[in-house]
Amino acid sequence: MSNRNLLALLVMLVVVSITSFGYVIITYTIQQGDTLYSIAKEHELHVSTILDFNDIEDPKSLKIGEKIVFPQPDGLLYEVKKGETLSYIAKLFFAPVEDIIRANSIKNGDIIVPGQKLFVPMDSINKYDYKPIERPFRWPVYGVISSNYGWRQHPITGKLAFHTGLDIAAPMGAPIFAAADGYVTFAGLNGGYGFMVEIQHDDGMVTRYGHMSHISVYVGQRVFMGSLLGRIGATGLATGPHVHFEVRDNEYRTVDPLSTLPAKDLMYVIRGYQEGNADTGGK
């Protein structure tokens, strides 16, 4: 078989796979001159998608010959946990449940099981997030507030301590999104925060996202409201999977994150067909 015919066969197989299963995973070998942006542009991906699917030691200097994987089309994977439903998983991605059903060729009556991996198309992610009108930030995750800002008894040390952020509990591996536009100023391990991302926003405010299980951005990266930052974890001083969401003002003083976010019932909003008509979605 000639190389041209072999290439045509491979392309056909990829098309059939996408049609049947909604996505395929591509293995790519880093070539000389490659950057995250050039690979992302060539394959119509977000840079954070590539970082989410791989553990890249230095995102700014890729190693020639190293193999990475990424999905086609662009999207994210999520591993189902015990007791979770499709509608709940859709809320974690602020996505319509119908899009996830379609992308994974789920038939009426199919049951999802723990350990199953679901593909969520990037075009569907954040379709149902709430864009803040009077507050500077959107909710970074869909979850339940497990600890508020202010004085509390530390859950690990047992001592009275000031909690500088808002803890939002969510399943391990759930996505964490940028609360607003800005630049990543820190991405890595930071003591009790565990794996943490810090963003300097365009208005001078700063947000932090702690206890991640995986980081999907790098220092200096430009992110936008709703950009993937990483995944929920329990690294650092944490008793369970959640994100420590911290907000600092222009003078780097912490403020109550609830004062910067929309109402809690506006985490996930199903938009109506008529402009201005929207319903909120519960868990």
C-alpha atoms as a PDB file:
ATOM      1  CA  MET A   1       0.000   0.000   0.000  1.00  0.00           C
ATOM      2  CA  SER A   2       1.396   3.403  -0.958  1.00  0.00           C
ATOM      3  CA  ASN A   3       1.998   6.100   1.650  1.00  0.00           C
ATOM      4  CA  ARG A   4      -0.752   8.209   0.091  1.00  0.00           C
ATOM      5  CA  ASN A   5      -3.287   5.388   0.343  1.00  0.00           C
ATOM      6  CA  LEU A   6      -2.193   4.631   3.902  1.00  0.00           C
ATOM      7  CA  LEU A   7      -2.652   8.276   4.871  1.00  0.00           C
ATOM      8  CA  ALA A   8      -6.104   8.324   3.275  1.00  0.00           C
ATOM      9  CA  LEU A   9      -7.032   5.190   5.233  1.00  0.00           C
ATOM     10  CA  LEU A  10      -5.857   6.707   8.505  1.00  0.00           C
ATOM     11  CA  VAL A  11      -7.829   9.891   7.858  1.00  0.00           C
ATOM     12  CA  MET A  12     -10.925   7.821   7.106  1.00  0.00           C
ATOM     13  CA  LEU A  13     -10.482   5.834  10.330  1.00  0.00           C
ATOM     14  CA  VAL A  14     -10.176   9.047  12.350  1.00  0.00           C
ATOM     15  CA  VAL A  15     -13.358  10.428  10.766  1.00  0.00           C
ATOM     16  CA  VAL A  16     -15.230   7.186  11.449  1.00  0.00           C
ATOM     17  CA  SER A  17     -13.986   7.130  15.051  1.00  0.00           C
ATOM     18  CA  ILE A  18     -15.087  10.709  15.679  1.00  0.00           C
ATOM     19  CA  THR A  19     -18.467  10.002  14.120  1.00  0.00           C
ATOM     20  CA  SER A  20     -18.919   6.866  16.228  1.00  0.00           C
ATOM     21  CA  PHE A  21     -17.438   7.928  19.542  1.00  0.00           C
ATOM     22  CA  GLY A  22     -17.385  11.738  19.424  1.00  0.00           C
ATOM     23  CA  TYR A  23     -13.587  12.025  19.737  1.00  0.00           C
ATOM     24  CA  VAL A  24     -10.237  10.318  19.271  1.00  0.00           C
ATOM     25  CA  ILE A  25      -6.957  10.612  21.177  1.00  0.00           C
ATOM     26  CA  ILE A  26      -3.994  11.578  19.006  1.00  0.00           C
ATOM     27  CA  THR A  27      -0.383  10.752  19.901  1.00  0.00           C
ATOM     28  CA  TYR A  28       1.984  13.450  18.655  1.00  0.00           C
ATOM     29  CA  THR A  29       5.800  13.518  18.635  1.00  0.00           C
ATOM     30  CA  ILE A  30       7.392  16.901  19.386  1.00  0.00           C
ATOM     31  CA  GLN A  31       9.319  18.241  16.393  1.00  0.00           C
ATOM     32  CA  GLN A  32      12.039  20.890  16.230  1.00  0.00           C
ATOM     33  CA  GLY A  33      10.486  24.351  16.411  1.00  0.00           C
ATOM     34  CA  ASP A  34       7.269  23.158  18.031  1.00  0.00           C
ATOM     35  CA  THR A  35       5.679  25.254  20.769  1.00  0.00           C
ATOM     36  CA  LEU A  36       2.488  24.703  22.694  1.00  0.00           C
ATOM     37  CA  TYR A  37       0.876  27.483  20.699  1.00  0.00           C
ATOM     38  CA  SER A  38       1.964  26.145  17.319  1.00  0.00           C
ATOM     39  CA  ILE A  39       0.679  22.655  18.166  1.00  0.00           C
ATOM     40  CA  ALA A  40      -2.554  24.069  19.560  1.00  0.00           C
ATOM     41  CA  LYS A  41      -3.100  26.237  16.486  1.00  0.00           C
ATOM     42  CA  GLU A  42      -2.341  23.415  14.038  1.00  0.00           C
ATOM     43  CA  HIS A  43      -4.795  21.055  15.737  1.00  0.00           C
ATOM     44  CA  GLU A  44      -7.416  23.663  16.733  1.00  0.00           C
ATOM     45  CA  LEU A  45      -6.900  23.179  20.457  1.00  0.00           C
ATOM     46  CA  HIS A  46      -6.617  25.354  23.531  1.00  0.00           C
ATOM     47  CA  VAL A  47      -3.145  25.331  25.080  1.00  0.00           C
ATOM     48  CA  SER A  48      -4.711  24.324  28.391  1.00  0.00           C
ATOM     49  CA  THR A  49      -6.188  21.227  26.742  1.00  0.00           C
ATOM     50  CA  ILE A  50      -2.692  19.991  25.850  1.00  0.00           C
ATOM     51  CA  LEU A  51      -1.452  20.717  29.379  1.00  0.00           C
ATOM     52  CA  ASP A  52      -4.505  19.003  30.865  1.00  0.00           C
ATOM     53  CA  PHE A  53      -3.814  15.771  28.957  1.00  0.00           C
ATOM     54  CA  ASN A  54      -0.065  15.716  29.662  1.00  0.00           C
ATOM     55  CA  ASP A  55       2.526  16.223  32.400  1.00  0.00           C
ATOM     56  CA  ILE A  56       4.901  18.579  30.585  1.00  0.00           C
ATOM     57  CA  GLU A  57       7.966  19.468  32.639  1.00  0.00           C
ATOM     58  CA  ASP A  58       8.617  22.831  30.982  1.00  0.00           C
ATOM     59  CA  PRO A  59       5.709  24.165  28.867  1.00  0.00           C
ATOM     60  CA  LYS A  60       7.940  26.901  27.445  1.00  0.00           C
ATOM     61  CA  SER A  61      10.613  24.490  26.212  1.00  0.00           C
ATOM     62  CA  LEU A  62       9.260  21.266  24.740  1.00  0.00           C
ATOM     63  CA  LYS A  63      11.598  18.304  24.363  1.00  0.00           C
ATOM     64  CA  ILE A  64      12.150  17.138  20.779  1.00  0.00           C
ATOM     65  CA  GLY A  65      11.074  13.516  20.402  1.00  0.00           C
ATOM     66  CA  GLU A  66       8.797  13.607  23.447  1.00  0.00           C
ATOM     67  CA  LYS A  67       5.334  12.173  22.829  1.00  0.00           C
ATOM     68  CA  ILE A  68       2.194  13.956  23.950  1.00  0.00           C
ATOM     69  CA  VAL A  69      -1.486  13.128  23.556  1.00  0.00           C
ATOM     70  CA  PHE A  70      -4.523  15.305  22.916  1.00  0.00           C
ATOM     71  CA  PRO A  71      -8.120  14.892  21.756  1.00  0.00           C
ATOM     72  CA  GLN A  72      -9.663  15.623  18.399  1.00  0.00           C
ATOM     73  CA  PRO A  73     -11.837  17.624  18.425  1.00  0.00           C
ATOM     74  CA  ASP A  74     -10.908  19.881  21.363  1.00  0.00           C
ATOM     75  CA  GLY A  75     -12.433  18.863  24.675  1.00  0.00           C
ATOM     76  CA  LEU A  76     -11.839  17.432  28.138  1.00  0.00           C
ATOM     77  CA  LEU A  77     -12.243  14.042  29.795  1.00  0.00           C
ATOM     78  CA  TYR A  78     -13.914  13.353  33.131  1.00  0.00           C
ATOM     79  CA  GLU A  79     -13.907  10.116  35.125  1.00  0.00           C
ATOM     80  CA  VAL A  80     -17.308   9.261  36.580  1.00  0.00           C
ATOM     81  CA  LYS A  81     -17.491   8.917  40.380  1.00  0.00           C
ATOM     82  CA  LYS A  82     -19.897   6.747  42.381  1.00  0.00           C
ATOM     83  CA  GLY A  83     -23.419   8.172  42.521  1.00  0.00           C
ATOM     84  CA  GLU A  84     -22.886  10.806  39.833  1.00  0.00           C
ATOM     85  CA  THR A  85     -25.414  11.447  37.096  1.00  0.00           C
ATOM     86  CA  LEU A  86     -25.017  12.907  33.629  1.00  0.00           C
ATOM     87  CA  SER A  87     -26.908  16.028  34.648  1.00  0.00           C
ATOM     88  CA  TYR A  88     -24.572  16.590  37.612  1.00  0.00           C
ATOM     89  CA  ILE A  89     -21.447  16.062  35.508  1.00  0.00           C
ATOM     90  CA  ALA A  90     -22.827  18.525  32.954  1.00  0.00           C
ATOM     91  CA  LYS A  91     -23.057  21.128  35.718  1.00  0.00           C
ATOM     92  CA  LEU A  92     -19.389  20.578  36.657  1.00  0.00           C
ATOM     93  CA  PHE A  93     -18.504  21.694  33.122  1.00  0.00           C
ATOM     94  CA  PHE A  94     -21.297  24.298  32.900  1.00  0.00           C
ATOM     95  CA  ALA A  95     -22.391  22.368  29.818  1.00  0.00           C
ATOM     96  CA  PRO A  96     -25.714  21.107  28.415  1.00  0.00           C
ATOM     97  CA  VAL A  97     -26.276  17.454  29.320  1.00  0.00           C
ATOM     98  CA  GLU A  98     -27.518  16.788  25.769  1.00  0.00           C
ATOM     99  CA  ASP A  99     -24.091  17.698  24.372  1.00  0.00           C
ATOM    100  CA  ILE A 100     -22.342  15.165  26.609  1.00  0.00           C
ATOM    101  CA  ILE A 101     -24.846  12.466  25.682  1.00  0.00           C
ATOM    102  CA  ARG A 102     -24.280  13.148  21.989  1.00  0.00           C
ATOM    103  CA  ALA A 103     -20.471  13.324  22.238  1.00  0.00           C
ATOM    104  CA  ASN A 104     -20.296   9.954  23.982  1.00  0.00           C
ATOM    105  CA  SER A 105     -22.923   8.194  21.846  1.00  0.00           C
ATOM    106  CA  ILE A 106     -24.988   7.451  24.949  1.00  0.00           C
ATOM    107  CA  LYS A 107     -28.285   5.796  24.086  1.00  0.00           C
ATOM    108  CA  ASN A 108     -31.549   6.236  25.949  1.00  0.00           C
ATOM    109  CA  GLY A 109     -31.406   3.978  28.984  1.00  0.00           C
ATOM    110  CA  ASP A 110     -27.608   3.690  29.083  1.00  0.00           C
ATOM    111  CA  ILE A 111     -26.177   3.789  32.602  1.00  0.00           C
ATOM    112  CA  ILE A 112     -22.899   5.539  33.393  1.00  0.00           C
ATOM    113  CA  VAL A 113     -20.645   3.707  35.848  1.00  0.00           C
ATOM    114  CA  PRO A 114     -17.791   4.726  38.174  1.00  0.00           C
ATOM    115  CA  GLY A 115     -14.471   4.785  36.338  1.00  0.00           C
ATOM    116  CA  GLN A 116     -16.078   5.479  32.965  1.00  0.00           C
ATOM    117  CA  LYS A 117     -14.451   8.349  31.090  1.00  0.00           C
ATOM    118  CA  LEU A 118     -16.741  10.880  29.442  1.00  0.00           C
ATOM    119  CA  PHE A 119     -15.679  13.355  26.767  1.00  0.00           C
ATOM    120  CA  VAL A 120     -16.968  16.915  27.068  1.00  0.00           C
ATOM    121  CA  PRO A 121     -16.523  18.956  23.832  1.00  0.00           C
ATOM    122  CA  MET A 122     -14.831  22.311  24.321  1.00  0.00           C
ATOM    123  CA  ASP A 123     -17.599  24.020  22.346  1.00  0.00           C
ATOM    124  CA  SER A 124     -20.054  22.858  25.021  1.00  0.00           C
ATOM    125  CA  ILE A 125     -18.022  23.821  28.093  1.00  0.00           C
ATOM    126  CA  ASN A 126     -19.220  27.017  29.815  1.00  0.00           C
ATOM    127  CA  LYS A 127     -22.347  27.311  27.669  1.00  0.00           C
ATOM    128  CA  TYR A 128     -24.300  27.520  30.916  1.00  0.00           C
ATOM    129  CA  ASP A 129     -21.945  29.532  33.103  1.00  0.00           C
ATOM    130  CA  TYR A 130     -23.224  32.838  34.472  1.00  0.00           C
ATOM    131  CA  LYS A 131     -21.398  35.890  33.187  1.00  0.00           C
ATOM    132  CA  PRO A 132     -21.203  38.360  36.099  1.00  0.00           C
ATOM    133  CA  ILE A 133     -22.921  41.698  35.582  1.00  0.00           C
ATOM    134  CA  GLU A 134     -22.350  43.630  38.816  1.00  0.00           C
ATOM    135  CA  ARG A 135     -19.533  41.501  40.277  1.00  0.00           C
ATOM    136  CA  PRO A 136     -15.981  41.180  38.905  1.00  0.00           C
ATOM    137  CA  PHE A 137     -15.734  37.384  38.940  1.00  0.00           C
ATOM    138  CA  ARG A 138     -17.652  34.274  37.846  1.00  0.00           C
ATOM    139  CA  TRP A 139     -17.777  31.067  39.877  1.00  0.00           C
ATOM    140  CA  PRO A 140     -14.568  29.080  39.210  1.00  0.00           C
ATOM    141  CA  VAL A 141     -16.223  25.699  39.880  1.00  0.00           C
ATOM    142  CA  TYR A 142     -19.657  24.207  40.319  1.00  0.00           C
ATOM    143  CA  GLY A 143     -19.691  22.995  43.890  1.00  0.00           C
ATOM    144  CA  VAL A 144     -20.768  23.450  47.501  1.00  0.00           C
ATOM    145  CA  ILE A 145     -19.234  25.965  49.888  1.00  0.00           C
ATOM    146  CA  SER A 146     -17.543  23.937  52.616  1.00  0.00           C
ATOM    147  CA  SER A 147     -15.780  26.761  54.471  1.00  0.00           C
ATOM    148  CA  ASN A 148     -16.308  30.508  54.377  1.00  0.00           C
ATOM    149  CA  TYR A 149     -13.875  33.409  54.566  1.00  0.00           C
ATOM    150  CA  GLY A 150     -12.934  34.511  58.093  1.00  0.00           C
ATOM    151  CA  TRP A 151     -12.017  33.081  61.473  1.00  0.00           C
ATOM    152  CA  ARG A 152     -12.491  29.353  61.948  1.00  0.00           C
ATOM    153  CA  GLN A 153     -11.075  26.330  63.702  1.00  0.00           C
ATOM    154  CA  HIS A 154      -8.558  24.891  61.261  1.00  0.00           C
ATOM    155  CA  PRO A 155      -9.805  21.445  60.144  1.00  0.00           C
ATOM    156  CA  ILE A 156      -6.310  19.904  60.356  1.00  0.00           C
ATOM    157  CA  THR A 157      -4.428  21.760  63.108  1.00  0.00           C
ATOM    158  CA  GLY A 158      -7.520  22.350  65.253  1.00  0.00           C
ATOM    159  CA  LYS A 159      -6.275  25.863  66.070  1.00  0.00           C
ATOM    160  CA  LEU A 160      -8.194  29.092  65.597  1.00  0.00           C
ATOM    161  CA  ALA A 161      -6.983  30.640  62.343  1.00  0.00           C
ATOM    162  CA  PHE A 162      -8.120  33.176  59.781  1.00  0.00           C
ATOM    163  CA  HIS A 163      -9.288  31.519  56.554  1.00  0.00           C
ATOM    164  CA  THR A 164      -8.194  33.769  53.694  1.00  0.00           C
ATOM    165  CA  GLY A 165     -10.443  32.289  51.029  1.00  0.00           C
ATOM    166  CA  LEU A 166     -13.577  30.379  50.182  1.00  0.00           C
ATOM    167  CA  ASP A 167     -13.486  26.572  50.075  1.00  0.00           C
ATOM    168  CA  ILE A 168     -15.710  25.096  47.367  1.00  0.00           C
ATOM    169  CA  ALA A 169     -16.071  21.319  47.536  1.00  0.00           C
ATOM    170  CA  ALA A 170     -16.374  19.402  44.260  1.00  0.00           C
ATOM    171  CA  PRO A 171     -15.442  15.910  43.015  1.00  0.00           C
ATOM    172  CA  MET A 172     -11.813  14.970  42.452  1.00  0.00           C
ATOM    173  CA  GLY A 173     -10.866  15.859  38.892  1.00  0.00           C
ATOM    174  CA  ALA A 174     -13.661  18.387  38.331  1.00  0.00           C
ATOM    175  CA  PRO A 175     -12.502  21.361  36.225  1.00  0.00           C
ATOM    176  CA  ILE A 176     -11.461  24.717  37.682  1.00  0.00           C
ATOM    177  CA  PHE A 177     -11.982  27.798  35.510  1.00  0.00           C
ATOM    178  CA  ALA A 178     -10.518  31.318  35.579  1.00  0.00           C
ATOM    179  CA  ALA A 179     -12.791  33.773  37.377  1.00  0.00           C
ATOM    180  CA  ALA A 180     -11.844  36.611  34.972  1.00  0.00           C
ATOM    181  CA  ASP A 181      -9.291  37.664  32.337  1.00  0.00           C
ATOM    182  CA  GLY A 182      -5.661  38.018  33.342  1.00  0.00           C
ATOM    183  CA  TYR A 183      -2.162  36.549  33.350  1.00  0.00           C
ATOM    184  CA  VAL A 184      -0.908  33.539  35.285  1.00  0.00           C
ATOM    185  CA  THR A 185       1.711  34.737  37.791  1.00  0.00           C
ATOM    186  CA  PHE A 186       2.198  31.463  39.678  1.00  0.00           C
ATOM    187  CA  ALA A 187       1.580  27.823  38.833  1.00  0.00           C
ATOM    188  CA  GLY A 188       3.056  25.129  41.062  1.00  0.00           C
ATOM    189  CA  LEU A 189       3.434  23.898  44.631  1.00  0.00           C
ATOM    190  CA  ASN A 190       2.920  26.499  47.347  1.00  0.00           C
ATOM    191  CA  GLY A 191       3.077  25.045  50.855  1.00  0.00           C
ATOM    192  CA  GLY A 192      -0.321  24.453  52.441  1.00  0.00           C
ATOM    193  CA  TYR A 193      -2.045  25.577  49.231  1.00  0.00           C
ATOM    194  CA  GLY A 194      -0.706  22.472  47.509  1.00  0.00           C
ATOM    195  CA  PHE A 195      -0.738  22.826  43.737  1.00  0.00           C
ATOM    196  CA  MET A 196      -1.878  26.409  43.196  1.00  0.00           C
ATOM    197  CA  VAL A 197      -2.489  28.889  40.385  1.00  0.00           C
ATOM    198  CA  GLU A 198      -2.431  32.646  40.876  1.00  0.00           C
ATOM    199  CA  ILE A 199      -3.840  35.118  38.337  1.00  0.00           C
ATOM    200  CA  GLN A 200      -3.181  38.846  38.104  1.00  0.00           C
ATOM    201  CA  HIS A 201      -6.368  40.267  36.611  1.00  0.00           C
ATOM    202  CA  ASP A 202      -6.678  43.207  34.271  1.00  0.00           C
ATOM    203  CA  ASP A 203      -8.330  45.363  36.970  1.00  0.00           C
ATOM    204  CA  GLY A 204      -5.415  44.814  39.364  1.00  0.00           C
ATOM    205  CA  MET A 205      -7.110  42.198  41.545  1.00  0.00           C
ATOM    206  CA  VAL A 206      -5.597  38.769  42.156  1.00  0.00           C
ATOM    207  CA  THR A 207      -7.206  35.344  42.507  1.00  0.00           C
ATOM    208  CA  ARG A 208      -5.713  32.123  43.829  1.00  0.00           C
ATOM    209  CA  TYR A 209      -6.883  28.555  43.271  1.00  0.00           C
ATOM    210  CA  GLY A 210      -5.446  26.029  45.723  1.00  0.00           C
ATOM    211  CA  HIS A 211      -5.313  22.264  46.410  1.00  0.00           C
ATOM    212  CA  MET A 212      -5.375  21.309  42.706  1.00  0.00           C
ATOM    213  CA  SER A 213      -4.667  17.752  41.567  1.00  0.00           C
ATOM    214  CA  HIS A 214      -3.395  18.955  38.176  1.00  0.00           C
ATOM    215  CA  ILE A 215      -2.370  22.340  36.763  1.00  0.00           C
ATOM    216  CA  SER A 216      -3.264  23.117  33.151  1.00  0.00           C
ATOM    217  CA  VAL A 217      -1.628  26.539  32.716  1.00  0.00           C
ATOM    218  CA  TYR A 218       1.869  28.010  33.015  1.00  0.00           C
ATOM    219  CA  VAL A 219       3.367  31.254  34.309  1.00  0.00           C
ATOM    220  CA  GLY A 220       2.968  34.099  31.830  1.00  0.00           C
ATOM    221  CA  GLN A 221       0.005  32.510  30.034  1.00  0.00           C
ATOM    222  CA  ARG A 222      -2.868  34.797  29.112  1.00  0.00           C
ATOM    223  CA  VAL A 223      -6.172  33.394  30.345  1.00  0.00           C
ATOM    224  CA  PHE A 224      -9.735  34.537  29.931  1.00  0.00           C
ATOM    225  CA  MET A 225     -12.866  34.243  32.009  1.00  0.00           C
ATOM    226  CA  GLY A 226     -13.771  30.556  31.812  1.00  0.00           C
ATOM    227  CA  SER A 227     -10.331  29.315  30.723  1.00  0.00           C
ATOM    228  CA  LEU A 228      -9.399  25.926  32.168  1.00  0.00           C
ATOM    229  CA  LEU A 229      -6.825  26.304  34.960  1.00  0.00           C
ATOM    230  CA  GLY A 230      -6.651  22.755  36.265  1.00  0.00           C
ATOM    231  CA  ARG A 231      -8.517  20.101  38.219  1.00  0.00           C
ATOM    232  CA  ILE A 232      -9.971  19.795  41.717  1.00  0.00           C
ATOM    233  CA  GLY A 233      -7.717  17.966  44.157  1.00  0.00           C
ATOM    234  CA  ALA A 234      -6.718  17.697  47.815  1.00  0.00           C
ATOM    235  CA  THR A 235      -3.016  18.623  47.718  1.00  0.00           C
ATOM    236  CA  GLY A 236      -1.412  20.640  50.507  1.00  0.00           C
ATOM    237  CA  LEU A 237      -3.338  21.016  53.766  1.00  0.00           C
ATOM    238  CA  ALA A 238      -6.721  19.648  52.733  1.00  0.00           C
ATOM    239  CA  THR A 239      -9.157  17.143  54.208  1.00  0.00           C
ATOM    240  CA  GLY A 240     -10.935  16.398  50.924  1.00  0.00           C
ATOM    241  CA  PRO A 241     -11.270  17.482  47.292  1.00  0.00           C
ATOM    242  CA  HIS A 242     -12.070  21.179  46.934  1.00  0.00           C
ATOM    243  CA  VAL A 243     -10.680  24.428  45.611  1.00  0.00           C
ATOM    244  CA  HIS A 244      -9.496  27.178  47.929  1.00  0.00           C
ATOM    245  CA  PHE A 245     -10.611  30.274  46.040  1.00  0.00           C
ATOM    246  CA  GLU A 246      -8.859  33.391  47.309  1.00  0.00           C
ATOM    247  CA  VAL A 247      -9.316  37.004  46.203  1.00  0.00           C
ATOM    248  CA  ARG A 248      -6.880  39.841  46.846  1.00  0.00           C
ATOM    249  CA  ASP A 249      -7.432  43.541  46.115  1.00  0.00           C
ATOM    250  CA  ASN A 250      -5.138  46.028  44.373  1.00  0.00           C
ATOM    251  CA  GLU A 251      -3.022  46.259  47.534  1.00  0.00           C
ATOM    252  CA  TYR A 252      -2.781  42.457  47.792  1.00  0.00           C
ATOM    253  CA  ARG A 253      -5.094  42.294  50.818  1.00  0.00           C
ATOM    254  CA  THR A 254      -7.511  39.376  51.005  1.00  0.00           C
ATOM    255  CA  VAL A 255     -11.220  40.102  50.673  1.00  0.00           C
ATOM    256  CA  ASP A 256     -14.295  37.907  51.098  1.00  0.00           C
ATOM    257  CA  PRO A 257     -14.688  36.100  47.749  1.00  0.00           C
ATOM    258  CA  LEU A 258     -18.476  36.080  48.171  1.00  0.00           C
ATOM    259  CA  SER A 259     -18.427  39.871  47.786  1.00  0.00           C
ATOM    260  CA  THR A 260     -16.891  39.436  44.308  1.00  0.00           C
ATOM    261  CA  LEU A 261     -19.071  36.579  43.006  1.00  0.00           C
ATOM    262  CA  PRO A 262     -22.668  36.359  41.718  1.00  0.00           C
ATOM    263  CA  ALA A 263     -25.317  34.765  43.956  1.00  0.00           C
ATOM    264  CA  LYS A 264     -24.795  31.050  44.672  1.00  0.00           C
ATOM    265  CA  ASP A 265     -27.905  30.067  42.697  1.00  0.00           C
ATOM    266  CA  LEU A 266     -26.320  31.639  39.614  1.00  0.00           C
ATOM    267  CA  MET A 267     -23.458  29.124  39.359  1.00  0.00           C
ATOM    268  CA  TYR A 268     -25.158  27.203  36.556  1.00  0.00           C
ATOM    269  CA  VAL A 269     -27.749  28.943  34.409  1.00  0.00           C
ATOM    270  CA  ILE A 270     -29.799  27.344  31.645  1.00  0.00           C
ATOM    271  CA  ARG A 271     -30.386  30.074  29.110  1.00  0.00           C
ATOM    272  CA  GLY A 272     -33.802  30.248  27.478  1.00  0.00           C
ATOM    273  CA  TYR A 273     -34.464  30.682  23.797  1.00  0.00           C
ATOM    274  CA  GLN A 274     -35.803  34.162  24.372  1.00  0.00           C
ATOM    275  CA  GLU A 275     -33.359  36.864  25.309  1.00  0.00           C
ATOM    276  CA  GLY A 276     -33.455  37.547  29.014  1.00  0.00           C
ATOM    277  CA  ASN A 277     -35.169  34.259  29.848  1.00  0.00           C
ATOM    278  CA  ALA A 278     -32.999  32.011  31.998  1.00  0.00           C
ATOM    279  CA  ASP A 279     -33.498  29.327  34.613  1.00  0.00           C
ATOM    280  CA  THR A 280     -31.027  28.255  37.265  1.00  0.00           C
ATOM    281  CA  GLY A 281     -30.122  24.615  37.531  1.00  0.00           C
ATOM    282  CA  GLY A 282     -29.897  22.867  40.885  1.00  0.00           C
ATOM    283  CA  LYS A 283     -27.630  19.938  41.678  1.00  0.00           C
END
